[in-house]
Protein backbone atom coordinates (compact mmCIF):
# COMPACT_ATOMS: atom_id res chain seq x y z
CA MET A 1 -4.25 -44.58 -39.21
CA VAL A 2 -4.37 -41.59 -36.96
CA LYS A 3 -1.58 -40.25 -39.02
CA GLY A 4 -3.22 -41.16 -42.02
CA LEU A 5 -6.27 -39.67 -41.40
CA LEU A 6 -4.47 -36.49 -40.42
CA GLU A 7 -2.59 -36.47 -43.68
CA ASP A 8 -5.72 -37.10 -45.61
CA LYS A 9 -7.58 -34.24 -43.73
CA LYS A 10 -10.22 -36.20 -42.66
CA LEU A 11 -10.44 -34.52 -39.17
CA GLU A 12 -14.24 -34.98 -38.74
CA THR A 13 -13.55 -38.83 -38.34
CA LEU A 14 -11.08 -38.16 -35.13
CA VAL A 15 -13.21 -35.19 -33.76
CA ASP A 16 -16.22 -36.08 -31.39
CA ALA A 17 -19.32 -36.22 -33.44
CA ASP A 18 -21.24 -34.10 -30.92
CA LEU A 19 -19.19 -31.14 -31.77
CA GLU A 20 -20.96 -30.88 -35.30
CA GLY A 21 -17.95 -29.45 -36.70
CA ASN A 22 -17.93 -26.38 -34.27
CA TYR A 23 -14.30 -26.80 -34.09
CA VAL A 24 -11.05 -24.96 -35.37
CA ASN A 25 -9.28 -27.20 -37.80
CA GLU A 26 -5.67 -26.03 -37.74
CA GLY A 27 -6.22 -26.34 -33.69
CA VAL A 28 -7.40 -29.88 -34.20
CA GLU A 29 -4.42 -30.85 -36.26
CA LYS A 30 -2.11 -29.27 -33.76
CA LEU A 31 -3.58 -31.29 -30.81
CA ILE A 32 -3.27 -34.54 -33.02
CA GLN A 33 0.39 -33.73 -33.87
CA ILE A 34 0.80 -33.21 -30.06
CA ALA A 35 -1.11 -36.67 -29.39
CA LEU A 36 1.06 -38.58 -32.02
CA LEU A 37 4.32 -37.20 -30.36
CA CYS A 38 2.93 -38.15 -26.96
CA THR A 39 2.48 -41.46 -28.03
CA GLN A 40 5.32 -42.86 -29.74
CA ALA A 41 6.69 -46.53 -28.96
CA ALA A 42 10.19 -45.17 -27.21
CA PRO A 43 9.56 -43.18 -23.78
CA LEU A 44 12.77 -41.22 -24.81
CA ASP A 45 11.16 -40.03 -27.55
CA ARG A 46 7.98 -38.07 -26.50
CA PRO A 47 8.12 -34.75 -25.08
CA THR A 48 8.12 -33.79 -21.77
CA MET A 49 4.97 -32.58 -19.97
CA SER A 50 6.43 -29.07 -20.61
CA GLU A 51 7.44 -29.35 -23.85
CA VAL A 52 3.80 -30.34 -24.36
CA VAL A 53 2.52 -27.13 -22.56
CA ARG A 54 4.57 -25.09 -25.12
CA MET A 55 3.48 -26.87 -27.84
CA VAL A 56 0.31 -26.21 -27.16
CA GLU A 57 0.70 -22.54 -26.63
CA GLY A 58 2.17 -22.17 -30.08
CA GLU A 59 6.02 -22.92 -29.23
CA GLY A 60 7.76 -25.68 -30.84
CA LEU A 61 5.40 -27.75 -32.58
CA ALA A 62 6.64 -27.30 -36.25
CA ASN A 63 10.09 -28.07 -35.47
CA ARG A 64 9.36 -31.27 -33.27
CA TRP A 65 6.70 -32.81 -35.68
CA GLU A 66 9.29 -32.13 -38.73
CA GLU A 67 11.86 -34.18 -36.91
CA TRP A 68 9.59 -36.79 -36.39
CA GLN A 69 8.79 -36.86 -39.83
CA GLN A 70 12.14 -37.20 -40.86
CA ARG A 71 12.91 -39.75 -38.42
CA ARG A 72 9.76 -41.76 -39.36
CA LEU A 73 10.90 -41.50 -42.57
CA SER A 74 14.48 -42.65 -42.15
CA LEU A 75 13.07 -45.56 -40.56
CA GLN A 76 10.39 -46.52 -43.08
CA GLU A 77 13.92 -46.28 -45.64
CA PHE A 78 15.96 -48.51 -43.55
CA SER A 79 13.10 -50.67 -43.13
CA HIS A 80 12.63 -50.99 -46.57
CA THR A 81 16.52 -51.97 -47.73
CA HIS A 82 17.75 -53.75 -44.35
CA ILE A 83 14.75 -55.47 -42.90
CA GLN A 84 13.04 -57.17 -45.27
CA TYR A 85 15.90 -59.30 -46.48
CA PRO A 86 17.58 -59.42 -43.35
CA TYR A 87 19.50 -62.79 -43.61
CA GLN A 88 21.40 -61.19 -46.83
CA TYR A 89 23.13 -58.97 -44.04
CA LEU A 90 23.78 -61.39 -41.36
CA PRO A 91 27.59 -63.02 -41.34
CA ILE A 92 27.21 -67.05 -41.37
CA SER A 93 29.90 -68.72 -40.14
CA ASP A 94 30.12 -72.02 -38.36
CA SER A 95 33.62 -72.12 -37.38
CA TYR A 96 32.95 -68.93 -34.93
CA ILE A 97 32.72 -70.25 -31.28
CA PRO A 98 32.47 -67.40 -28.84
CA SER A 99 34.33 -67.96 -25.60
CA ASN A 100 32.74 -68.11 -22.23
CA ASP A 101 34.41 -64.71 -21.17
CA HIS A 102 32.46 -63.48 -24.13
CA LEU A 103 29.23 -65.06 -23.51
CA SER A 104 29.30 -64.03 -19.61
CA GLY A 105 31.04 -60.62 -19.73
CA PRO A 106 29.58 -57.31 -19.29
CA ARG A 107 27.51 -56.16 -21.92
CA ASP A 108 28.11 -52.61 -23.75
C-alpha cells in the first residue's frame, strides 16, 4: 500500500495532515524509501542502523533502493511463473520411500 502511494506520488496521504503541505516532497520520498527498506520481511534484508544514518545523510539510498526494486521484480516474476501452479513442478512418485537415516539426519 505505502509502496503504491509512493509510486503514485500521493505523499499527502502518507504525511501528517497537521503539516498542511509544509514539507519537501523529495525529503518525504527518501524517508519513505528508507522506511520501506527497514520494514522488509526478512531481517537480513533490512539495512543496519549505520546504513540508515548514511542513507538519511544522502549516501547509498539510490543504490539500495534500486537493488530492492530489482529483487521485488525478480520475486514477482518467479512467483508468477512458479508459485501459481506449484504442483506442475513437483515430481510425484509413489515409489520413493526415504530411508530412516535420511529422515533423521542433519539438515543442510
